[in-house]
């Protein structure tokens, strides 16, 4: 897809320090967006900014943000608005964590932590973003939330993660219904087995068990998810709203 599909748009990306979030920043910058790379790891976010400096418009910034804290999220949006003079109209919620254990052994703390980042974090960012867009009278906004295929099917050892990602999909559908009248769309991307720091922790023997169940016979690359997100962020998907798009290799 040529032609800089998000040219001139300001994009706020969480989880930008690695994996899918970093790839999203790279693709959106290539496609002409001004990118706000945010991550709880501020140094990783800065590294992402470094990777995209000189790409596209080159007015990119990085911010350290803890998406599970409303105060941190709100501060990030005021910083972004201060820098660009207006709020971002593209939001990508890629911040996510795992804390895996069998349900019977799962601590209350680990269960809560994953919901706080993956689900509450998505809520806090979407709420702050849409408030800012509506206040600034921006229509044509696009929010893309990252769910997961395990949120549809479940996964042993991931009761917290699967619940959080199923929640993200349901949340996305509700947000789409509420924000449609403001001209703000909200969609979910549902990745399958993607090569990233999150999946690097999976033992090789487990990976070899999973691969035969994927029609394409391989793990996905972060940029393959990012390309779909860029399409959803752009006006080319102007009537796609409340959708969940699977990027799972079949």
Protein backbone atom coordinates (compact mmCIF):
# COMPACT_ATOMS: atom_id res chain seq x y z
CA UNK A 1 0.00 0.00 0.00
CA UNK A 2 1.72 3.16 -1.14
CA UNK A 3 0.58 6.73 -0.95
CA UNK A 4 1.17 7.38 2.75
CA UNK A 5 -2.22 6.26 4.03
CA UNK A 6 -2.03 8.13 7.37
CA UNK A 7 -0.22 11.23 6.10
CA UNK A 8 -0.54 14.17 8.51
CA UNK A 9 -2.25 12.17 11.25
CA UNK A 10 -0.92 12.14 14.83
CA UNK A 11 -0.74 8.62 16.25
CA UNK A 12 -0.49 7.66 19.94
CA UNK A 13 0.91 4.14 20.36
CA UNK A 14 1.22 2.28 23.68
CA UNK A 15 3.60 -0.63 24.18
CA UNK A 16 5.79 1.09 21.60
CA UNK A 17 9.05 -0.14 23.11
CA UNK A 18 9.00 -3.59 21.53
CA UNK A 19 7.13 -6.20 19.52
CA UNK A 20 3.93 -5.24 17.74
CA UNK A 21 3.90 -1.73 19.27
CA UNK A 22 7.35 -0.93 17.88
CA UNK A 23 6.41 -2.32 14.45
CA UNK A 24 3.25 -0.18 14.48
CA UNK A 25 5.33 2.95 15.10
CA UNK A 26 7.61 2.05 12.18
CA UNK A 27 4.76 1.39 9.74
CA UNK A 28 2.74 4.46 10.77
CA UNK A 29 5.84 6.68 10.46
CA UNK A 30 6.55 5.20 7.02
CA UNK A 31 2.93 5.94 6.06
CA UNK A 32 3.26 9.61 7.01
CA UNK A 33 1.97 9.85 10.59
CA UNK A 34 3.54 11.83 13.43
CA UNK A 35 4.12 9.17 16.07
CA UNK A 36 3.94 9.42 19.86
CA UNK A 37 5.78 6.29 21.00
CA UNK A 38 4.78 5.45 24.58
CA UNK A 39 5.90 2.62 26.84
CA UNK A 40 6.26 1.95 30.55
CA UNK A 41 9.94 1.49 29.68
CA UNK A 42 10.83 5.05 28.69
CA UNK A 43 14.25 4.03 27.33
CA UNK A 44 12.66 1.44 25.01
CA UNK A 45 10.19 4.10 23.81
CA UNK A 46 13.14 6.43 23.11
CA UNK A 47 14.84 3.66 21.13
CA UNK A 48 11.71 3.29 19.01
CA UNK A 49 11.68 7.05 18.43
CA UNK A 50 15.32 6.73 17.34
CA UNK A 51 14.42 3.98 14.87
CA UNK A 52 11.77 6.15 13.20
CA UNK A 53 13.61 9.48 13.33
CA UNK A 54 14.20 10.54 9.74
CA UNK A 55 11.20 8.48 8.60
CA UNK A 56 8.17 10.31 7.19
CA UNK A 57 7.47 13.75 8.66
CA UNK A 58 10.08 13.17 11.42
CA UNK A 59 8.08 15.02 14.09
CA UNK A 60 7.99 12.03 16.44
CA UNK A 61 8.16 12.01 20.24
CA UNK A 62 8.46 9.36 22.96
CA UNK A 63 6.90 9.31 26.41
CA UNK A 64 7.13 7.07 29.46
CA UNK A 65 3.56 5.99 30.32
CA UNK A 66 2.09 3.47 32.74
CA UNK A 67 -1.26 2.70 31.10
CA UNK A 68 -2.62 1.15 34.31
CA UNK A 69 -2.49 4.57 36.02
CA UNK A 70 -5.04 7.19 34.95
CA UNK A 71 -2.78 10.03 36.07
CA UNK A 72 0.09 8.79 33.89
CA UNK A 73 -2.20 8.41 30.86
CA UNK A 74 -3.73 11.87 31.27
CA UNK A 75 -0.30 13.45 31.64
CA UNK A 76 0.82 11.79 28.41
CA UNK A 77 -2.12 13.23 26.50
CA UNK A 78 -1.53 16.73 27.83
CA UNK A 79 2.17 16.41 26.86
CA UNK A 80 1.19 15.26 23.37
CA UNK A 81 -1.33 18.09 22.92
CA UNK A 82 1.25 20.58 24.16
CA UNK A 83 3.76 19.34 21.58
CA UNK A 84 1.48 19.13 18.54
CA UNK A 85 -1.13 21.77 19.41
CA UNK A 86 -3.92 19.20 19.02
CA UNK A 87 -4.71 15.69 20.25
CA UNK A 88 -3.80 12.52 18.34
CA UNK A 89 -6.58 11.11 16.13
CA UNK A 90 -5.04 7.63 15.80
CA UNK A 91 -4.75 5.52 18.96
CA UNK A 92 -3.16 2.07 19.08
CA UNK A 93 -3.38 0.14 22.35
CA UNK A 94 -0.52 -2.33 22.15
CA UNK A 95 0.67 -2.29 25.78
CA UNK A 96 0.24 -5.76 27.21
CA UNK A 97 1.84 -8.11 29.72
CA UNK A 98 1.66 -11.78 30.68
CA UNK A 99 1.93 -13.36 34.13
CA UNK A 100 1.35 -17.03 33.37
CA UNK A 101 0.41 -19.77 35.80
CA UNK A 102 -2.21 -22.51 36.18
CA UNK A 103 -5.49 -21.17 37.50
CA UNK A 104 -5.17 -23.10 40.77
CA UNK A 105 -1.73 -21.59 41.35
CA UNK A 106 -2.49 -18.08 40.05
CA UNK A 107 -1.97 -15.38 42.66
CA UNK A 108 -4.58 -12.68 43.08
CA UNK A 109 -1.82 -10.13 42.46
CA UNK A 110 -0.80 -11.64 39.09
CA UNK A 111 -4.42 -11.94 37.95
CA UNK A 112 -5.10 -8.30 38.83
CA UNK A 113 -1.86 -6.95 37.31
CA UNK A 114 -2.61 -8.40 33.87
CA UNK A 115 -6.17 -7.03 33.91
CA UNK A 116 -4.88 -3.62 35.06
CA UNK A 117 -2.49 -3.28 32.12
CA UNK A 118 -4.27 -5.12 29.31
CA UNK A 119 -7.90 -4.24 29.97
CA UNK A 120 -8.05 -1.26 32.33
CA UNK A 121 -5.09 0.29 30.48
CA UNK A 122 -6.98 0.07 27.20
CA UNK A 123 -10.01 1.70 28.86
CA UNK A 124 -7.97 4.56 30.38
CA UNK A 125 -6.21 5.36 27.10
CA UNK A 126 -9.42 5.20 25.05
CA UNK A 127 -11.28 7.39 27.55
CA UNK A 128 -8.54 10.06 27.64
CA UNK A 129 -8.12 9.97 23.85
CA UNK A 130 -11.79 10.29 22.96
CA UNK A 131 -12.36 13.07 25.52
CA UNK A 132 -9.49 15.00 23.92
CA UNK A 133 -10.75 14.34 20.36
CA UNK A 134 -14.31 15.37 21.19
CA UNK A 135 -13.13 18.51 23.04
CA UNK A 136 -10.99 19.48 20.03
CA UNK A 137 -13.87 18.70 17.65
CA UNK A 138 -11.82 16.11 15.76
CA UNK A 139 -13.83 13.59 13.77
CA UNK A 140 -12.31 10.83 11.68
CA UNK A 141 -10.53 9.40 14.70
CA UNK A 142 -9.51 5.74 14.69
CA UNK A 143 -8.79 3.58 17.74
CA UNK A 144 -7.21 0.16 17.31
CA UNK A 145 -7.04 -2.19 20.29
CA UNK A 146 -4.88 -5.31 20.33
CA UNK A 147 -6.72 -8.41 21.49
CA UNK A 148 -5.48 -12.00 21.03
CA UNK A 149 -6.69 -15.24 19.48
CA UNK A 150 -6.34 -16.89 22.92
CA UNK A 151 -9.08 -14.53 24.10
CA UNK A 152 -11.42 -16.47 21.80
CA UNK A 153 -10.22 -20.02 22.51
CA UNK A 154 -8.62 -19.89 25.95
CA UNK A 155 -5.08 -21.07 26.70
CA UNK A 156 -3.71 -23.26 29.48
CA UNK A 157 -1.79 -21.20 32.05
CA UNK A 158 -3.26 -17.89 30.86
CA UNK A 159 -6.62 -17.44 32.63
CA UNK A 160 -5.71 -13.81 33.39
CA UNK A 161 -4.35 -12.96 29.91
CA UNK A 162 -7.18 -14.68 28.00
CA UNK A 163 -9.81 -12.97 30.17
CA UNK A 164 -8.17 -9.58 29.64
CA UNK A 165 -8.02 -10.03 25.85
CA UNK A 166 -11.62 -11.29 25.57
CA UNK A 167 -12.51 -8.18 27.57
CA UNK A 168 -10.64 -5.96 25.11
CA UNK A 169 -12.78 -7.30 22.24
CA UNK A 170 -16.08 -6.74 24.06
CA UNK A 171 -14.92 -3.31 25.23
CA UNK A 172 -14.01 -2.42 21.62
CA UNK A 173 -17.52 -3.28 20.37
CA UNK A 174 -19.11 -1.08 23.04
CA UNK A 175 -16.73 1.82 22.36
CA UNK A 176 -17.59 1.58 18.64
CA UNK A 177 -21.30 1.90 19.46
CA UNK A 178 -20.75 4.89 21.76
CA UNK A 179 -18.29 6.86 19.62
CA UNK A 180 -19.72 6.30 16.14
CA UNK A 181 -21.83 9.44 16.42
CA UNK A 182 -18.65 11.48 17.00
CA UNK A 183 -17.04 10.07 13.86
CA UNK A 184 -14.57 8.05 15.93
CA UNK A 185 -14.13 4.39 14.99
CA UNK A 186 -12.91 1.62 17.31
CA UNK A 187 -11.69 -1.77 16.08
CA UNK A 188 -9.73 -4.71 17.44
CA UNK A 189 -6.91 -6.63 15.83
CA UNK A 190 -6.66 -10.24 16.97
CA UNK A 191 -3.12 -11.55 16.49
CA UNK A 192 -2.25 -15.21 16.57
CA UNK A 193 1.22 -16.58 17.28
CA UNK A 194 3.51 -13.59 16.59
CA UNK A 195 7.31 -13.53 17.06
CA UNK A 196 7.92 -10.94 19.80
CA UNK A 197 9.55 -10.59 23.22
CA UNK A 198 6.30 -11.98 24.66
CA UNK A 199 6.58 -15.22 22.67
CA UNK A 200 10.37 -15.45 22.99
CA UNK A 201 9.79 -16.84 26.49
CA UNK A 202 7.97 -19.88 25.08
CA UNK A 203 10.13 -23.06 25.03
CA UNK A 204 11.11 -24.37 21.58
CA UNK A 205 9.34 -27.71 22.13
CA UNK A 206 6.06 -25.87 22.78
CA UNK A 207 6.55 -23.77 19.63
CA UNK A 208 7.07 -26.95 17.58
CA UNK A 209 3.73 -28.25 18.92
CA UNK A 210 1.88 -25.05 17.98
CA UNK A 211 3.21 -24.55 14.43
CA UNK A 212 1.34 -27.51 12.80
CA UNK A 213 -1.97 -25.94 13.92
CA UNK A 214 -1.23 -22.79 11.88
CA UNK A 215 -2.23 -23.13 8.21
CA UNK A 216 0.77 -21.09 7.07
CA UNK A 217 3.08 -23.24 9.19
CA UNK A 218 5.02 -20.39 10.76
CA UNK A 219 4.84 -17.64 13.39
CA UNK A 220 3.74 -14.21 12.26
CA UNK A 221 5.98 -11.16 12.23
CA UNK A 222 5.09 -8.00 14.19
CA UNK A 223 5.07 -5.95 10.97
CA UNK A 224 2.40 -8.26 9.50
CA UNK A 225 0.10 -7.19 12.34
CA UNK A 226 1.23 -3.58 12.05
CA UNK A 227 0.22 -3.37 8.36
CA UNK A 228 -3.36 -4.34 9.27
CA UNK A 229 -3.37 -1.78 12.09
CA UNK A 230 -2.16 0.93 9.67
CA UNK A 231 -5.08 0.11 7.36
CA UNK A 232 -7.54 0.40 10.28
CA UNK A 233 -5.91 3.68 11.35
CA UNK A 234 -6.36 5.11 7.86
CA UNK A 235 -9.41 6.55 6.11
CA UNK A 236 -9.33 3.53 3.77
CA UNK A 237 -11.21 1.61 6.46
CA UNK A 238 -13.73 4.41 7.01
CA UNK A 239 -16.75 2.07 7.37
CA UNK A 240 -14.99 -0.61 9.44
CA UNK A 241 -16.17 -0.12 13.02
CA UNK A 242 -16.56 -2.47 15.98
CA UNK A 243 -14.78 -5.20 14.04
CA UNK A 244 -12.31 -7.82 15.21
CA UNK A 245 -9.80 -8.67 12.49
CA UNK A 246 -7.83 -11.88 12.96
CA UNK A 247 -4.17 -11.91 11.92
CA UNK A 248 -3.46 -15.55 12.72
CA UNK A 249 -2.02 -17.21 9.59
CA UNK A 250 -5.07 -19.47 9.26
